[in-house]
PDB file of N, CA and C in Angstrom:
ATOM      1  N   MET A   1       0.827  -1.201   0.000  1.00  0.00           N
ATOM      2  CA  MET A   1       0.000   0.000   0.000  1.00  0.00           C
ATOM      3  C   MET A   1       0.866   1.258   0.000  1.00  0.00           C
ATOM      4  N   LYS A   2       1.964   1.249   0.769  1.00  0.00           N
ATOM      5  CA  LYS A   2       2.852   2.406   0.809  1.00  0.00           C
ATOM      6  C   LYS A   2       3.472   2.662  -0.563  1.00  0.00           C
ATOM      7  N   THR A   3       3.750   1.595  -1.308  1.00  0.00           N
ATOM      8  CA  THR A   3       4.330   1.740  -2.638  1.00  0.00           C
ATOM      9  C   THR A   3       3.348   2.415  -3.582  1.00  0.00           C
ATOM     10  N   ILE A   4       2.084   2.050  -3.502  1.00  0.00           N
ATOM     11  CA  ILE A   4       1.063   2.644  -4.368  1.00  0.00           C
ATOM     12  C   ILE A   4       0.910   4.128  -4.052  1.00  0.00           C
ATOM     13  N   ILE A   5       0.898   4.470  -2.776  1.00  0.00           N
ATOM     14  CA  ILE A   5       0.776   5.882  -2.386  1.00  0.00           C
ATOM     15  C   ILE A   5       1.985   6.676  -2.856  1.00  0.00           C
ATOM     16  N   ALA A   6       3.178   6.105  -2.725  1.00  0.00           N
ATOM     17  CA  ALA A   6       4.397   6.793  -3.161  1.00  0.00           C
ATOM     18  C   ALA A   6       4.400   6.988  -4.671  1.00  0.00           C
ATOM     19  N   LEU A   7       4.025   5.964  -5.424  1.00  0.00           N
ATOM     20  CA  LEU A   7       3.982   6.090  -6.882  1.00  0.00           C
ATOM     21  C   LEU A   7       2.932   7.103  -7.328  1.00  0.00           C
ATOM     22  N   THR A   8       1.802   7.142  -6.653  1.00  0.00           N
ATOM     23  CA  THR A   8       0.760   8.114  -6.975  1.00  0.00           C
ATOM     24  C   THR A   8       1.251   9.527  -6.715  1.00  0.00           C
ATOM     25  N   ALA A   9       1.938   9.742  -5.596  1.00  0.00           N
ATOM     26  CA  ALA A   9       2.458  11.070  -5.277  1.00  0.00           C
ATOM     27  C   ALA A   9       3.492  11.521  -6.298  1.00  0.00           C
ATOM     28  N   ILE A  10       4.352  10.612  -6.727  1.00  0.00           N
ATOM     29  CA  ILE A  10       5.365  10.952  -7.734  1.00  0.00           C
ATOM     30  C   ILE A  10       4.701  11.278  -9.063  1.00  0.00           C
ATOM     31  N   ALA A  11       3.723  10.485  -9.461  1.00  0.00           N
ATOM     32  CA  ALA A  11       3.029  10.738 -10.729  1.00  0.00           C
ATOM     33  C   ALA A  11       2.314  12.079 -10.713  1.00  0.00           C
ATOM     34  N   LEU A  12       1.667  12.412  -9.613  1.00  0.00           N
ATOM     35  CA  LEU A  12       0.981  13.702  -9.517  1.00  0.00           C
ATOM     36  C   LEU A  12       1.965  14.863  -9.532  1.00  0.00           C
ATOM     37  N   ALA A  13       3.127  14.685  -8.932  1.00  0.00           N
ATOM     38  CA  ALA A  13       4.130  15.749  -8.918  1.00  0.00           C
ATOM     39  C   ALA A  13       4.676  16.010 -10.312  1.00  0.00           C
ATOM     40  N   LEU A  14       4.756  14.976 -11.129  1.00  0.00           N
ATOM     41  CA  LEU A  14       5.326  15.128 -12.471  1.00  0.00           C
ATOM     42  C   LEU A  14       4.313  15.577 -13.514  1.00  0.00           C
ATOM     43  N   THR A  15       3.030  15.492 -13.252  1.00  0.00           N
ATOM     44  CA  THR A  15       2.033  15.836 -14.263  1.00  0.00           C
ATOM     45  C   THR A  15       2.022  17.310 -14.611  1.00  0.00           C
ATOM     46  N   GLY A  16       2.382  18.191 -13.709  1.00  0.00           N
ATOM     47  CA  GLY A  16       2.379  19.622 -13.976  1.00  0.00           C
ATOM     48  C   GLY A  16       3.634  20.102 -14.651  1.00  0.00           C
ATOM     49  N   CYS A  17       4.626  19.259 -14.810  1.00  0.00           N
ATOM     50  CA  CYS A  17       5.906  19.676 -15.377  1.00  0.00           C
ATOM     51  C   CYS A  17       5.844  19.600 -16.891  1.00  0.00           C
ATOM     52  N   ALA A  18       5.999  20.708 -17.560  1.00  0.00           N
ATOM     53  CA  ALA A  18       5.980  20.723 -19.013  1.00  0.00           C
ATOM     54  C   ALA A  18       7.370  20.956 -19.579  1.00  0.00           C
ATOM     55  N   THR A  19       8.189  21.668 -18.853  1.00  0.00           N
ATOM     56  CA  THR A  19       9.508  22.001 -19.355  1.00  0.00           C
ATOM     57  C   THR A  19      10.427  22.340 -18.193  1.00  0.00           C
ATOM     58  N   SER A  20      11.721  22.135 -18.414  1.00  0.00           N
ATOM     59  CA  SER A  20      12.687  22.512 -17.382  1.00  0.00           C
ATOM     60  C   SER A  20      13.529  23.691 -17.847  1.00  0.00           C
ATOM     61  N   THR A  21      13.164  24.272 -18.970  1.00  0.00           N
ATOM     62  CA  THR A  21      13.895  25.422 -19.491  1.00  0.00           C
ATOM     63  C   THR A  21      13.419  26.703 -18.811  1.00  0.00           C
ATOM     64  N   PRO A  22      14.265  27.704 -18.762  1.00  0.00           N
ATOM     65  CA  PRO A  22      13.837  28.974 -18.161  1.00  0.00           C
ATOM     66  C   PRO A  22      12.831  29.691 -19.061  1.00  0.00           C
ATOM     67  N   PRO A  23      12.069  30.617 -18.506  1.00  0.00           N
ATOM     68  CA  PRO A  23      11.100  31.364 -19.319  1.00  0.00           C
ATOM     69  C   PRO A  23      11.800  32.187 -20.398  1.00  0.00           C
ATOM     70  N   VAL A  24      11.141  32.350 -21.544  1.00  0.00           N
ATOM     71  CA  VAL A  24      11.708  33.151 -22.624  1.00  0.00           C
ATOM     72  C   VAL A  24      11.340  34.621 -22.480  1.00  0.00           C
ATOM     73  N   CYS A  25      10.235  34.909 -21.778  1.00  0.00           N
ATOM     74  CA  CYS A  25       9.811  36.289 -21.556  1.00  0.00           C
ATOM     75  C   CYS A  25       8.711  36.285 -20.496  1.00  0.00           C
ATOM     76  N   TYR A  26       8.213  37.470 -20.184  1.00  0.00           N
ATOM     77  CA  TYR A  26       7.142  37.618 -19.193  1.00  0.00           C
ATOM     78  C   TYR A  26       6.050  38.515 -19.759  1.00  0.00           C
ATOM     79  N   ASN A  27       4.798  38.108 -19.580  1.00  0.00           N
ATOM     80  CA  ASN A  27       3.643  38.935 -19.911  1.00  0.00           C
ATOM     81  C   ASN A  27       3.025  39.423 -18.619  1.00  0.00           C
ATOM     82  N   LYS A  28       2.287  40.507 -18.695  1.00  0.00           N
ATOM     83  CA  LYS A  28       1.610  41.036 -17.514  1.00  0.00           C
ATOM     84  C   LYS A  28       0.126  40.667 -17.575  1.00  0.00           C
ATOM     85  N   ALA A  29      -0.383  40.190 -16.436  1.00  0.00           N
ATOM     86  CA  ALA A  29      -1.788  39.821 -16.337  1.00  0.00           C
ATOM     87  C   ALA A  29      -2.399  40.499 -15.117  1.00  0.00           C
ATOM     88  N   ASN A  30      -3.663  40.895 -15.249  1.00  0.00           N
ATOM     89  CA  ASN A  30      -4.390  41.519 -14.150  1.00  0.00           C
ATOM     90  C   ASN A  30      -5.166  40.424 -13.416  1.00  0.00           C
ATOM     91  N   ILE A  31      -4.752  40.141 -12.172  1.00  0.00           N
ATOM     92  CA  ILE A  31      -5.393  39.104 -11.366  1.00  0.00           C
ATOM     93  C   ILE A  31      -5.796  39.733 -10.036  1.00  0.00           C
ATOM     94  N   ALA A  32      -7.075  39.749  -9.755  1.00  0.00           N
ATOM     95  CA  ALA A  32      -7.617  40.302  -8.509  1.00  0.00           C
ATOM     96  C   ALA A  32      -7.141  41.740  -8.285  1.00  0.00           C
ATOM     97  N   ASN A  33      -7.250  42.560  -9.321  1.00  0.00           N
ATOM     98  CA  ASN A  33      -6.888  43.980  -9.278  1.00  0.00           C
ATOM     99  C   ASN A  33      -5.408  44.241  -9.004  1.00  0.00           C
ATOM    100  N   HIS A  34      -4.562  43.270  -9.270  1.00  0.00           N
ATOM    101  CA  HIS A  34      -3.111  43.441  -9.179  1.00  0.00           C
ATOM    102  C   HIS A  34      -2.499  42.971 -10.495  1.00  0.00           C
ATOM    103  N   VAL A  35      -1.445  43.621 -10.922  1.00  0.00           N
ATOM    104  CA  VAL A  35      -0.767  43.235 -12.153  1.00  0.00           C
ATOM    105  C   VAL A  35       0.428  42.357 -11.782  1.00  0.00           C
ATOM    106  N   TYR A  36       0.483  41.162 -12.386  1.00  0.00           N
ATOM    107  CA  TYR A  36       1.543  40.203 -12.124  1.00  0.00           C
ATOM    108  C   TYR A  36       2.294  39.891 -13.407  1.00  0.00           C
ATOM    109  N   ASP A  37       3.600  39.604 -13.274  1.00  0.00           N
ATOM    110  CA  ASP A  37       4.393  39.109 -14.387  1.00  0.00           C
ATOM    111  C   ASP A  37       4.219  37.601 -14.447  1.00  0.00           C
ATOM    112  N   ILE A  38       3.765  37.101 -15.590  1.00  0.00           N
ATOM    113  CA  ILE A  38       3.533  35.673 -15.777  1.00  0.00           C
ATOM    114  C   ILE A  38       4.626  35.133 -16.697  1.00  0.00           C
ATOM    115  N   ALA A  39       5.304  34.086 -16.257  1.00  0.00           N
ATOM    116  CA  ALA A  39       6.382  33.483 -17.041  1.00  0.00           C
ATOM    117  C   ALA A  39       5.819  32.804 -18.288  1.00  0.00           C
ATOM    118  N   ILE A  40       6.476  33.060 -19.427  1.00  0.00           N
ATOM    119  CA  ILE A  40       6.096  32.462 -20.702  1.00  0.00           C
ATOM    120  C   ILE A  40       7.235  31.549 -21.142  1.00  0.00           C
ATOM    121  N   PHE A  41       6.902  30.290 -21.465  1.00  0.00           N
ATOM    122  CA  PHE A  41       7.928  29.325 -21.821  1.00  0.00           C
ATOM    123  C   PHE A  41       7.988  29.038 -23.317  1.00  0.00           C
ATOM    124  N   ARG A  42       6.865  29.180 -24.017  1.00  0.00           N
ATOM    125  CA  ARG A  42       6.842  29.018 -25.470  1.00  0.00           C
ATOM    126  C   ARG A  42       5.781  29.926 -26.059  1.00  0.00           C
ATOM    127  N   LYS A  43       5.996  30.316 -27.305  1.00  0.00           N
ATOM    128  CA  LYS A  43       5.047  31.165 -28.022  1.00  0.00           C
ATOM    129  C   LYS A  43       4.765  30.505 -29.363  1.00  0.00           C
ATOM    130  N   GLU A  44       3.492  30.191 -29.614  1.00  0.00           N
ATOM    131  CA  GLU A  44       3.108  29.562 -30.879  1.00  0.00           C
ATOM    132  C   GLU A  44       1.747  30.072 -31.323  1.00  0.00           C
ATOM    133  N   ASN A  45       1.650  30.549 -32.537  1.00  0.00           N
ATOM    134  CA  ASN A  45       0.370  30.946 -33.148  1.00  0.00           C
ATOM    135  C   ASN A  45      -0.463  31.877 -32.281  1.00  0.00           C
ATOM    136  N   GLY A  46       0.159  32.872 -31.682  1.00  0.00           N
ATOM    137  CA  GLY A  46      -0.569  33.825 -30.866  1.00  0.00           C
ATOM    138  C   GLY A  46      -0.985  33.298 -29.502  1.00  0.00           C
ATOM    139  N   ARG A  47      -0.495  32.140 -29.129  1.00  0.00           N
ATOM    140  CA  ARG A  47      -0.784  31.554 -27.807  1.00  0.00           C
ATOM    141  C   ARG A  47       0.527  31.389 -27.053  1.00  0.00           C
ATOM    142  N   TYR A  48       0.423  31.381 -25.748  1.00  0.00           N
ATOM    143  CA  TYR A  48       1.607  31.304 -24.889  1.00  0.00           C
ATOM    144  C   TYR A  48       1.486  30.131 -23.931  1.00  0.00           C
ATOM    145  N   LEU A  49       2.571  29.377 -23.769  1.00  0.00           N
ATOM    146  CA  LEU A  49       2.652  28.358 -22.723  1.00  0.00           C
ATOM    147  C   LEU A  49       3.107  29.087 -21.476  1.00  0.00           C
ATOM    148  N   ALA A  50       2.181  29.311 -20.544  1.00  0.00           N
ATOM    149  CA  ALA A  50       2.423  30.215 -19.427  1.00  0.00           C
ATOM    150  C   ALA A  50       2.187  29.533 -18.094  1.00  0.00           C
ATOM    151  N   GLY A  51       2.801  30.129 -17.060  1.00  0.00           N
ATOM    152  CA  GLY A  51       2.562  29.701 -15.701  1.00  0.00           C
ATOM    153  C   GLY A  51       3.733  28.988 -15.080  1.00  0.00           C
ATOM    154  N   TYR A  52       3.673  28.838 -13.765  1.00  0.00           N
ATOM    155  CA  TYR A  52       4.659  28.081 -13.022  1.00  0.00           C
ATOM    156  C   TYR A  52       4.101  27.800 -11.646  1.00  0.00           C
ATOM    157  N   PRO A  53       4.088  26.628 -11.129  1.00  0.00           N
ATOM    158  CA  PRO A  53       4.680  25.387 -11.625  1.00  0.00           C
ATOM    159  C   PRO A  53       3.768  24.622 -12.566  1.00  0.00           C
ATOM    160  N   PHE A  54       2.511  25.031 -12.721  1.00  0.00           N
ATOM    161  CA  PHE A  54       1.604  24.366 -13.646  1.00  0.00           C
ATOM    162  C   PHE A  54       1.468  25.214 -14.901  1.00  0.00           C
ATOM    163  N   TYR A  55       1.531  24.583 -16.050  1.00  0.00           N
ATOM    164  CA  TYR A  55       1.562  25.281 -17.321  1.00  0.00           C
ATOM    165  C   TYR A  55       0.238  25.122 -18.048  1.00  0.00           C
ATOM    166  N   ALA A  56      -0.134  26.132 -18.819  1.00  0.00           N
ATOM    167  CA  ALA A  56      -1.356  26.080 -19.623  1.00  0.00           C
ATOM    168  C   ALA A  56      -1.163  26.955 -20.858  1.00  0.00           C
ATOM    169  N   TRP A  57      -1.751  26.538 -21.973  1.00  0.00           N
ATOM    170  CA  TRP A  57      -1.739  27.365 -23.168  1.00  0.00           C
ATOM    171  C   TRP A  57      -2.759  28.480 -22.961  1.00  0.00           C
ATOM    172  N   THR A  58      -2.316  29.716 -23.148  1.00  0.00           N
ATOM    173  CA  THR A  58      -3.136  30.887 -22.872  1.00  0.00           C
ATOM    174  C   THR A  58      -3.179  31.788 -24.095  1.00  0.00           C
ATOM    175  N   ASN A  59      -4.359  32.307 -24.402  1.00  0.00           N
ATOM    176  CA  ASN A  59      -4.506  33.227 -25.523  1.00  0.00           C
ATOM    177  C   ASN A  59      -3.927  34.595 -25.176  1.00  0.00           C
ATOM    178  N   LYS A  60      -3.510  35.322 -26.193  1.00  0.00           N
ATOM    179  CA  LYS A  60      -2.930  36.656 -26.004  1.00  0.00           C
ATOM    180  C   LYS A  60      -3.912  37.615 -25.332  1.00  0.00           C
ATOM    181  N   THR A  61      -5.191  37.442 -25.583  1.00  0.00           N
ATOM    182  CA  THR A  61      -6.201  38.361 -25.056  1.00  0.00           C
ATOM    183  C   THR A  61      -6.349  38.276 -23.537  1.00  0.00           C
ATOM    184  N   GLU A  62      -5.811  37.259 -22.911  1.00  0.00           N
ATOM    185  CA  GLU A  62      -5.938  37.113 -21.461  1.00  0.00           C
ATOM    186  C   GLU A  62      -4.892  37.908 -20.690  1.00  0.00           C
ATOM    187  N   PHE A  63      -3.981  38.565 -21.401  1.00  0.00           N
ATOM    188  CA  PHE A  63      -2.949  39.382 -20.764  1.00  0.00           C
ATOM    189  C   PHE A  63      -3.234  40.854 -21.004  1.00  0.00           C
ATOM    190  N   VAL A  64      -2.786  41.707 -20.084  1.00  0.00           N
ATOM    191  CA  VAL A  64      -2.983  43.146 -20.252  1.00  0.00           C
ATOM    192  C   VAL A  64      -1.800  43.789 -20.969  1.00  0.00           C
ATOM    193  N   ASP A  65      -0.627  43.135 -20.939  1.00  0.00           N
ATOM    194  CA  ASP A  65       0.553  43.676 -21.614  1.00  0.00           C
ATOM    195  C   ASP A  65       1.414  42.521 -22.092  1.00  0.00           C
ATOM    196  N   THR A  66       1.601  42.426 -23.413  1.00  0.00           N
ATOM    197  CA  THR A  66       2.427  41.367 -23.992  1.00  0.00           C
ATOM    198  C   THR A  66       3.624  41.944 -24.736  1.00  0.00           C
ATOM    199  N   ALA A  67       4.015  43.183 -24.418  1.00  0.00           N
ATOM    200  CA  ALA A  67       5.057  43.879 -25.166  1.00  0.00           C
ATOM    201  C   ALA A  67       6.385  43.124 -25.163  1.00  0.00           C
ATOM    202  N   GLU A  68       6.800  42.586 -24.014  1.00  0.00           N
ATOM    203  CA  GLU A  68       8.094  41.906 -23.945  1.00  0.00           C
ATOM    204  C   GLU A  68       8.122  40.668 -24.825  1.00  0.00           C
ATOM    205  N   CYS A  69       7.065  39.882 -24.814  1.00  0.00           N
ATOM    206  CA  CYS A  69       7.022  38.670 -25.638  1.00  0.00           C
ATOM    207  C   CYS A  69       6.766  38.988 -27.108  1.00  0.00           C
ATOM    208  N   ASP A  70       6.067  40.084 -27.395  1.00  0.00           N
ATOM    209  CA  ASP A  70       5.809  40.461 -28.782  1.00  0.00           C
ATOM    210  C   ASP A  70       7.087  40.854 -29.515  1.00  0.00           C
ATOM    211  N   ARG A  71       8.098  41.292 -28.788  1.00  0.00           N
ATOM    212  CA  ARG A  71       9.371  41.648 -29.419  1.00  0.00           C
ATOM    213  C   ARG A  71      10.137  40.426 -29.922  1.00  0.00           C
ATOM    214  N   LEU A  72       9.805  39.242 -29.413  1.00  0.00           N
ATOM    215  CA  LEU A  72      10.473  38.011 -29.827  1.00  0.00           C
ATOM    216  C   LEU A  72       9.971  37.577 -31.192  1.00  0.00           C
ATOM    217  N   ASN A  73      10.802  36.862 -31.915  1.00  0.00           N
ATOM    218  CA  ASN A  73      10.356  36.287 -33.188  1.00  0.00           C
ATOM    219  C   ASN A  73       9.392  35.150 -32.902  1.00  0.00           C
ATOM    220  N   PRO A  74       8.400  34.939 -33.787  1.00  0.00           N
ATOM    221  CA  PRO A  74       7.407  33.867 -33.563  1.00  0.00           C
ATOM    222  C   PRO A  74       7.996  32.538 -33.610  1.00  0.00           C
TER     223      PRO A  74
END
């Protein structure tokens, strides 16, 4: 039983990991009336792989400022 619990915990810890590379840029997002810098790890077709430690593909429209990432080549 302890082995099953340990394997489950390891599997859950690894499911949120998408990349071990550093962020390529940061976008600004308005969350609860505060502006935060959100780490961006990849940019494809106007969408960003964003977040840490859990990653999600996010549309450009969900950010209030994408100037830093827009300067990068697609």
